Each structure stands twice: as C-alpha cells, then as structure tokens.
Amino acid sequence: LADVQWLVQEGRQPVVADIGTGSGAIAVAVACHARQATVYAVDISDDALAVAEQNIWRYGLADQVHLLPGHLLDVLPEPADIILANLPYVATGALAKLPPQVREYEPVLALDGGPDGLRVIAKLLGQLATPEGRSKLKPGGRVYLEIGSDQGDAMRALVRELLPGATVEIQVDYAALDRVAVISFYE
C-alpha cells in the first residue's frame, strides 16, 4: 500500500490491478486506504468473483473496484501503476500436506501452482515479457507477487530469464521466510 499512497500524495490517481483477486480482500483493502485509486479485480473463477462482488458491495466500493472475469492481464482495460497478484503457488505434490483448514476450504484452482508451484506466476511473467503484456503496466510500474516460503531463489531466476530488464527483490515475513517478490521496471 505504501506505493499506492505515495502515488496519491504525488497528486496522481493510481490504477491498481489485483490479479487472481479471489475474495477481493486485497482489492478492498487498497480501495479503502486509497480512495483516489481505481482498482481492477481480475479472476478466472466466476465463484471467486461472486464472493468478491459481495465484499466490494459490503464496503460500498462498487464505483471504485471493477470486477473483471478473465485470465491474468488479458482483460485489463488500461495500464496499471501497480499489479498485485496472489496466484496459486503451492507445488502440486505439496497440496496434500497443507493444513486441513486450507486444503478443505480453499479451491484447488486457487492453490495448485503446478509441479514447482510457479506455473501460473511464470505465465504472468511471460505476459509481461511481451509488448502487449508490458503495455498493461505503466513505465516505472511495479508488480507484487505473493510466493511460497522457499521460492525466492526460483523467482529470481525466473525474472532473470523472462524479464531481463527488470529487478526483483524478495521480501520476507516475520519468520524470515520468502513471502513477496517485488518486480520493478526501469525504462
């Protein structure tokens, strides 16, 4: 949120894309803390978008948060200043080891990131590597991706491979585990 609030302080009206919005929690949090922001909440799941719609309505944010059914960046109607994504990042083989409250409650579509957990994230980065995908992020924009606790090195390698002009910083949580990859583009 600090980047969004900085843009607001600079007198801008930031555009934020929440890719893989799920329940819409991130989109709602951004919209509540930055009333000047336009937020696009994208998900491939109609069920997830129905839940997100309820949460957006509950907080009175329907004029600010726009739900978009679709895949990753494909449906964004304008370039974003910031892309936030909580995409599936659990390796398929690790799904059975998840705590029951996660495994039995969350849809597999929201969890299963393929053999290494990075399949969907790699697709998003692959989109950003194309001119069409890059046009979905404003110059100087940033991408924030939630990742698994042991995926920092793999993310660095993936960004080096797919986005050689970008930098990546891995932020850790309070337990010093990898948690968020921040990708910056410098034109």
Protein backbone atom coordinates (compact mmCIF):
# COMPACT_ATOMS: atom_id res chain seq x y z
CA LEU A 1 0.00 0.00 0.00
CA ALA A 2 2.92 2.35 0.51
CA ASP A 3 3.46 2.70 -3.25
CA VAL A 4 -0.23 3.42 -3.80
CA GLN A 5 -0.29 6.03 -1.03
CA TRP A 6 2.90 7.62 -2.42
CA LEU A 7 1.23 7.98 -5.83
CA VAL A 8 -1.79 9.61 -4.16
CA GLN A 9 0.49 12.03 -2.27
CA GLU A 10 2.08 12.91 -5.61
CA GLY A 11 -1.37 14.02 -6.79
CA ARG A 12 -1.95 11.02 -9.04
CA GLN A 13 -4.96 8.77 -9.26
CA PRO A 14 -3.30 5.36 -9.26
CA VAL A 15 -4.54 2.39 -11.21
CA VAL A 16 -4.07 -0.88 -9.35
CA ALA A 17 -4.69 -4.36 -10.74
CA ASP A 18 -5.39 -7.21 -8.31
CA ILE A 19 -4.76 -10.31 -10.40
CA GLY A 20 -6.28 -13.50 -9.01
CA THR A 21 -8.46 -11.45 -6.68
CA GLY A 22 -10.27 -14.40 -5.12
CA SER A 23 -12.47 -12.97 -2.36
CA GLY A 24 -11.41 -9.44 -3.28
CA ALA A 25 -9.71 -8.83 0.07
CA ILE A 26 -6.66 -7.14 -1.44
CA ALA A 27 -8.73 -5.02 -3.84
CA VAL A 28 -10.99 -3.93 -0.97
CA ALA A 29 -8.01 -3.09 1.29
CA VAL A 30 -6.36 -0.98 -1.43
CA ALA A 31 -9.61 0.83 -2.23
CA CYS A 32 -10.37 1.53 1.45
CA HIS A 33 -6.91 3.01 2.03
CA ALA A 34 -6.61 4.92 -1.24
CA ARG A 35 -9.99 6.33 -2.24
CA GLN A 36 -8.39 8.04 -5.26
CA ALA A 37 -7.27 4.71 -6.76
CA THR A 38 -9.05 2.82 -9.49
CA VAL A 39 -8.83 -0.89 -8.74
CA TYR A 40 -9.36 -3.71 -11.22
CA ALA A 41 -10.02 -7.08 -9.58
CA VAL A 42 -9.40 -9.93 -12.03
CA ASP A 43 -10.14 -13.62 -11.56
CA ILE A 44 -10.73 -16.60 -13.80
CA SER A 45 -13.25 -18.10 -11.35
CA ASP A 46 -16.85 -16.93 -11.51
CA ASP A 47 -17.37 -18.28 -7.97
CA ALA A 48 -14.48 -16.17 -6.67
CA LEU A 49 -15.81 -13.08 -8.42
CA ALA A 50 -19.24 -13.64 -6.83
CA VAL A 51 -17.60 -13.60 -3.37
CA ALA A 52 -15.50 -10.56 -4.31
CA GLU A 53 -18.64 -8.77 -5.51
CA GLN A 54 -20.29 -9.31 -2.11
CA ASN A 55 -17.24 -7.94 -0.29
CA ILE A 56 -16.97 -4.92 -2.58
CA TRP A 57 -20.67 -4.19 -2.08
CA ARG A 58 -20.34 -4.65 1.71
CA TYR A 59 -17.69 -1.90 1.82
CA GLY A 60 -19.51 0.39 -0.61
CA LEU A 61 -16.71 0.28 -3.19
CA ALA A 62 -18.62 -0.64 -6.36
CA ASP A 63 -17.73 2.68 -8.02
CA GLN A 64 -14.03 2.21 -7.30
CA VAL A 65 -13.36 -1.54 -7.66
CA HIS A 66 -14.15 -3.06 -11.03
CA LEU A 67 -14.52 -6.84 -11.30
CA LEU A 68 -13.16 -8.40 -14.48
CA PRO A 69 -13.61 -12.05 -15.37
CA GLY A 70 -10.59 -13.30 -17.24
CA HIS A 71 -7.09 -14.69 -17.26
CA LEU A 72 -4.23 -12.72 -15.73
CA LEU A 73 -3.52 -9.45 -17.62
CA ASP A 74 -5.67 -10.23 -20.67
CA VAL A 75 -8.71 -8.22 -19.57
CA LEU A 76 -7.10 -5.10 -18.08
CA PRO A 77 -8.66 -2.12 -19.89
CA GLU A 78 -5.79 0.27 -19.13
CA PRO A 79 -2.19 0.16 -17.88
CA ALA A 80 -1.74 -0.19 -14.13
CA ASP A 81 0.71 1.64 -11.91
CA ILE A 82 0.86 -1.39 -9.66
CA ILE A 83 -0.01 -5.03 -10.23
CA LEU A 84 -0.72 -7.13 -7.15
CA ALA A 85 -1.10 -10.88 -7.52
CA ASN A 86 -1.79 -13.70 -5.12
CA LEU A 87 -1.73 -16.51 -7.65
CA PRO A 88 -1.54 -20.24 -6.95
CA TYR A 89 1.99 -21.03 -5.72
CA VAL A 90 1.74 -24.37 -3.94
CA ALA A 91 3.50 -27.23 -5.74
CA THR A 92 1.04 -29.93 -6.79
CA GLY A 93 2.87 -32.54 -4.71
CA ALA A 94 2.57 -30.41 -1.58
CA LEU A 95 -1.23 -29.91 -1.75
CA ALA A 96 -1.94 -33.00 0.37
CA LYS A 97 0.41 -31.70 3.07
CA LEU A 98 -1.43 -28.41 3.53
CA PRO A 99 -3.24 -27.91 6.84
CA PRO A 100 -6.84 -29.21 6.68
CA GLN A 101 -8.28 -25.72 7.19
CA VAL A 102 -6.58 -24.69 3.93
CA ARG A 103 -6.79 -27.94 1.96
CA GLU A 104 -10.50 -28.47 2.69
CA TYR A 105 -11.63 -24.83 2.39
CA GLU A 106 -9.70 -23.25 -0.49
CA PRO A 107 -10.46 -24.27 -4.08
CA VAL A 108 -7.68 -26.28 -5.75
CA LEU A 109 -7.70 -23.69 -8.57
CA ALA A 110 -6.54 -21.07 -6.04
CA LEU A 111 -3.75 -23.25 -4.64
CA ASP A 112 -2.23 -25.53 -7.29
CA GLY A 113 0.75 -23.81 -8.90
CA GLY A 114 1.91 -26.87 -10.85
CA PRO A 115 4.94 -29.11 -10.29
CA ASP A 116 7.20 -26.35 -8.88
CA GLY A 117 4.43 -24.04 -7.68
CA LEU A 118 5.39 -21.34 -10.18
CA ARG A 119 3.37 -22.35 -13.29
CA VAL A 120 0.76 -19.56 -13.06
CA ILE A 121 3.30 -16.98 -11.86
CA ALA A 122 5.52 -17.86 -14.84
CA LYS A 123 2.55 -17.28 -17.17
CA LEU A 124 2.04 -13.81 -15.70
CA LEU A 125 5.75 -13.01 -16.06
CA GLY A 126 5.63 -14.40 -19.59
CA GLN A 127 2.81 -11.98 -20.40
CA LEU A 128 4.87 -9.10 -19.02
CA ALA A 129 7.73 -10.17 -21.30
CA THR A 130 5.64 -9.43 -24.39
CA PRO A 131 4.94 -5.94 -25.77
CA GLU A 132 1.20 -6.45 -25.26
CA GLY A 133 1.67 -7.60 -21.68
CA ARG A 134 4.16 -4.82 -20.89
CA SER A 135 1.59 -2.32 -22.12
CA LYS A 136 -0.57 -3.38 -19.14
CA LEU A 137 1.95 -1.81 -16.73
CA LYS A 138 2.85 1.88 -16.79
CA PRO A 139 6.52 2.86 -17.17
CA GLY A 140 8.19 2.60 -13.77
CA GLY A 141 5.40 0.34 -12.52
CA ARG A 142 5.82 -2.45 -10.03
CA VAL A 143 4.50 -5.97 -9.66
CA TYR A 144 3.99 -7.56 -6.23
CA LEU A 145 3.61 -11.35 -6.22
CA GLU A 146 2.94 -13.48 -3.17
CA ILE A 147 5.21 -16.53 -3.31
CA GLY A 148 5.90 -19.66 -1.30
CA SER A 149 8.25 -19.56 1.65
CA ASP A 150 11.05 -21.29 -0.28
CA GLN A 151 10.56 -19.82 -3.76
CA GLY A 152 12.74 -16.69 -3.59
CA ASP A 153 15.70 -18.13 -5.49
CA ALA A 154 13.46 -19.68 -8.12
CA MET A 155 11.66 -16.33 -8.56
CA ARG A 156 14.96 -14.50 -9.02
CA ALA A 157 15.96 -16.99 -11.71
CA LEU A 158 12.56 -16.76 -13.41
CA VAL A 159 12.67 -12.96 -13.51
CA ARG A 160 16.25 -13.00 -14.87
CA GLU A 161 15.13 -15.43 -17.58
CA LEU A 162 11.81 -13.87 -18.59
CA LEU A 163 12.28 -10.19 -17.71
CA PRO A 164 15.98 -9.38 -18.10
CA GLY A 165 15.38 -5.62 -17.88
CA ALA A 166 13.61 -5.86 -14.52
CA THR A 167 14.87 -6.10 -10.97
CA VAL A 168 13.41 -8.35 -8.31
CA GLU A 169 13.52 -8.02 -4.55
CA ILE A 170 12.29 -10.81 -2.29
CA GLN A 171 10.58 -9.56 0.85
CA VAL A 172 10.42 -11.88 3.84
CA ASP A 173 7.79 -12.27 6.52
CA TYR A 174 8.28 -12.06 10.29
CA ALA A 175 9.65 -15.61 10.32
CA ALA A 176 12.28 -14.58 7.73
CA LEU A 177 10.63 -16.75 5.07
CA ASP A 178 10.23 -15.66 1.45
CA ARG A 179 6.79 -14.08 1.02
CA VAL A 180 6.60 -11.40 -1.71
CA ALA A 181 8.53 -10.84 -4.92
CA VAL A 182 8.63 -7.17 -5.93
CA ILE A 183 9.47 -6.68 -9.59
CA SER A 184 10.43 -3.21 -10.77
CA PHE A 185 10.80 -1.98 -14.31
CA TYR A 186 13.07 0.93 -15.11
CA GLU A 187 12.61 2.36 -18.58
